[in-house]
Amino acid sequence: MPPLVLVGTRKGLFLLHGNDARRDWRVEGPLLTGWEVFHAIHDPRDETLYAAGNSAFFGGTVQRSDDRGQTWERAELPALPEQSGLELGEVWHVEPGGDGTLWLGAAPGVLFRSDDRGVTWNVNRGVLEHPTRDIARGTAAGAGSSRPADCPSLRGRP
């Protein structure tokens, strides 16, 4: 199968189609215009394309294409539990799991799981409610302190 490279940008998603020798490439796109695509992946299990996209108007979501980018379907991500005090921010990374699942990482340091090809998503409560969650704030996971003194595993490091 000829190579396919997915390139996410602020202007959408570009597909780079190569020949078998990987010497000649054709650029298709931008696809998903109006969406910043932080990560995109081709799922070899069923040839589906997934894109973790963010929009100033629609927020973050996962886009799915079953026809190599010709059409896209947007998933509705669930709101985070009200008692968490958190709001879903940007979606960062979507990844096929080994057991038919999909995983999605998003701000503020949350993890979602889908068992139906990204149609519905459930928040991973173990990550959301982990007792060290507040220590991670200030890293890529969200606002707050990231001083080494606040994290036992980083104490003594500059």
Protein backbone atom coordinates (compact mmCIF):
# COMPACT_ATOMS: atom_id res chain seq x y z
CA MET A 1 0.00 0.00 0.00
CA PRO A 2 1.40 3.43 -0.90
CA PRO A 3 2.39 5.58 2.09
CA LEU A 4 0.01 8.12 3.57
CA VAL A 5 1.23 10.86 5.92
CA LEU A 6 -1.27 12.91 7.94
CA VAL A 7 -0.15 16.45 8.83
CA GLY A 8 -2.19 18.45 11.32
CA THR A 9 -1.84 22.25 11.22
CA ARG A 10 -3.63 25.40 12.36
CA LYS A 11 -5.19 25.52 8.91
CA GLY A 12 -6.62 22.01 9.02
CA LEU A 13 -5.40 18.58 7.98
CA PHE A 14 -3.23 17.74 4.99
CA LEU A 15 -2.82 14.26 3.54
CA LEU A 16 0.44 13.46 1.79
CA HIS A 17 0.08 10.55 -0.63
CA GLY A 18 3.34 8.93 -1.74
CA ASN A 19 4.18 6.43 -4.41
CA ASP A 20 5.61 3.01 -3.53
CA ALA A 21 9.17 4.31 -4.01
CA ARG A 22 8.38 7.27 -1.73
CA ARG A 23 9.94 9.65 -4.25
CA ASP A 24 6.81 11.39 -5.52
CA TRP A 25 4.20 12.94 -3.22
CA ARG A 26 0.82 14.51 -3.78
CA VAL A 27 -0.63 16.92 -1.22
CA GLU A 28 -4.36 16.86 -0.51
CA GLY A 29 -5.91 19.57 1.61
CA PRO A 30 -6.47 21.42 3.64
CA LEU A 31 -9.25 19.20 4.98
CA LEU A 32 -11.21 20.16 8.10
CA THR A 33 -10.72 23.85 7.38
CA GLY A 34 -11.53 26.01 10.37
CA TRP A 35 -10.14 23.36 12.73
CA GLU A 36 -6.68 23.30 14.30
CA VAL A 37 -5.61 19.68 14.03
CA PHE A 38 -3.27 18.77 16.89
CA HIS A 39 -2.95 15.10 15.94
CA ALA A 40 -4.23 12.79 13.22
CA ILE A 41 -3.82 9.07 12.73
CA HIS A 42 -4.70 6.30 10.31
CA ASP A 43 -6.17 3.30 12.12
CA PRO A 44 -4.85 0.19 10.35
CA ARG A 45 -7.54 -1.97 11.96
CA ASP A 46 -10.26 -0.62 9.64
CA GLU A 47 -8.59 2.12 7.51
CA THR A 48 -10.37 4.91 9.42
CA LEU A 49 -8.75 8.34 9.78
CA TYR A 50 -9.08 10.17 13.11
CA ALA A 51 -8.18 13.78 13.84
CA ALA A 52 -7.99 15.55 17.20
CA GLY A 53 -9.28 18.98 16.22
CA ASN A 54 -9.95 22.23 18.03
CA SER A 55 -12.08 25.21 17.05
CA ALA A 56 -12.56 28.57 18.73
CA PHE A 57 -16.29 28.18 18.02
CA PHE A 58 -16.97 24.47 18.56
CA GLY A 59 -14.26 23.55 21.08
CA GLY A 60 -12.30 20.31 20.92
CA THR A 61 -13.48 17.09 19.35
CA VAL A 62 -12.49 14.03 17.38
CA GLN A 63 -13.27 13.92 13.68
CA ARG A 64 -13.60 10.53 11.94
CA SER A 65 -13.43 9.65 8.24
CA ASP A 66 -14.27 6.23 6.83
CA ASP A 67 -13.46 7.25 3.23
CA ARG A 68 -9.84 8.47 3.49
CA GLY A 69 -10.76 12.08 4.19
CA GLN A 70 -13.55 12.70 1.69
CA THR A 71 -16.18 13.13 4.43
CA TRP A 72 -15.86 13.63 8.18
CA GLU A 73 -18.09 12.97 11.18
CA ARG A 74 -17.60 14.95 14.38
CA ALA A 75 -17.89 13.17 17.74
CA GLU A 76 -19.66 14.80 20.64
CA LEU A 77 -17.38 14.65 23.65
CA PRO A 78 -19.03 14.47 27.05
CA ALA A 79 -18.75 17.30 29.53
CA LEU A 80 -16.50 16.61 32.46
CA PRO A 81 -18.38 15.84 35.70
CA GLU A 82 -19.64 19.06 37.30
CA GLN A 83 -18.18 18.12 40.68
CA SER A 84 -14.67 18.06 39.15
CA GLY A 85 -14.81 21.83 38.60
CA LEU A 86 -13.03 21.30 35.27
CA GLU A 87 -13.98 22.23 31.71
CA LEU A 88 -12.87 20.35 28.65
CA GLY A 89 -10.20 22.29 26.78
CA GLU A 90 -8.19 21.38 23.72
CA VAL A 91 -8.01 17.80 22.53
CA TRP A 92 -4.43 16.70 22.02
CA HIS A 93 -4.02 13.14 20.86
CA VAL A 94 -6.19 10.30 19.62
CA GLU A 95 -4.79 6.76 19.57
CA PRO A 96 -6.18 3.33 18.64
CA GLY A 97 -5.89 0.81 21.46
CA GLY A 98 -4.92 -2.81 21.10
CA ASP A 99 -8.34 -4.09 22.11
CA GLY A 100 -10.56 -2.22 19.63
CA THR A 101 -10.74 0.93 21.73
CA LEU A 102 -9.74 4.51 21.02
CA TRP A 103 -8.04 6.77 23.55
CA LEU A 104 -8.13 10.55 23.60
CA GLY A 105 -5.97 12.87 25.68
CA ALA A 106 -7.23 16.41 26.30
CA ALA A 107 -6.83 19.47 28.48
CA PRO A 108 -6.95 19.80 31.42
CA GLY A 109 -5.06 16.51 31.67
CA VAL A 110 -7.96 14.13 31.06
CA LEU A 111 -8.20 10.82 29.25
CA PHE A 112 -11.24 9.50 27.37
CA ARG A 113 -12.03 6.01 26.07
CA SER A 114 -14.30 5.02 23.20
CA ASP A 115 -15.45 1.50 22.46
CA ASP A 116 -17.51 2.39 19.35
CA ARG A 117 -14.99 3.91 16.92
CA GLY A 118 -15.21 7.37 18.48
CA VAL A 119 -18.97 7.84 18.36
CA THR A 120 -19.23 8.11 22.16
CA TRP A 121 -16.55 8.78 24.77
CA ASN A 122 -16.25 8.15 28.50
CA VAL A 123 -13.85 9.96 30.81
CA ASN A 124 -11.28 7.81 32.58
CA ARG A 125 -12.15 8.40 36.24
CA GLY A 126 -8.82 7.00 37.45
CA VAL A 127 -6.97 9.84 35.76
CA LEU A 128 -9.62 12.47 36.49
CA GLU A 129 -9.83 11.66 40.20
CA HIS A 130 -6.21 10.69 40.89
CA PRO A 131 -4.98 12.07 44.24
CA THR A 132 -1.90 13.68 42.63
CA ARG A 133 -3.94 15.49 39.98
CA ASP A 134 -3.53 18.92 41.59
CA ILE A 135 0.25 18.50 41.66
CA ALA A 136 0.33 18.06 37.88
CA ARG A 137 -1.28 21.43 37.26
CA GLY A 138 1.14 23.86 35.68
CA THR A 139 2.47 21.18 33.38
CA ALA A 140 0.79 20.42 30.08
CA ALA A 141 -2.18 19.29 32.16
CA GLY A 142 -3.34 22.73 33.21
CA ALA A 143 -2.80 25.84 35.29
CA GLY A 144 -1.27 25.88 38.74
CA SER A 145 2.03 25.04 40.35
CA SER A 146 4.72 22.99 38.68
CA ARG A 147 7.50 23.68 41.20
CA PRO A 148 9.60 20.60 41.99
CA ALA A 149 8.87 21.07 45.70
CA ASP A 150 5.17 20.45 44.98
CA CYS A 151 5.81 17.04 43.45
CA PRO A 152 7.50 14.36 45.56
CA SER A 153 9.01 12.63 42.51
CA LEU A 154 10.68 15.89 41.39
CA ARG A 155 12.07 17.10 44.74
CA GLY A 156 15.73 17.93 44.58
CA ARG A 157 15.63 18.62 40.83
CA PRO A 158 16.12 22.12 39.41
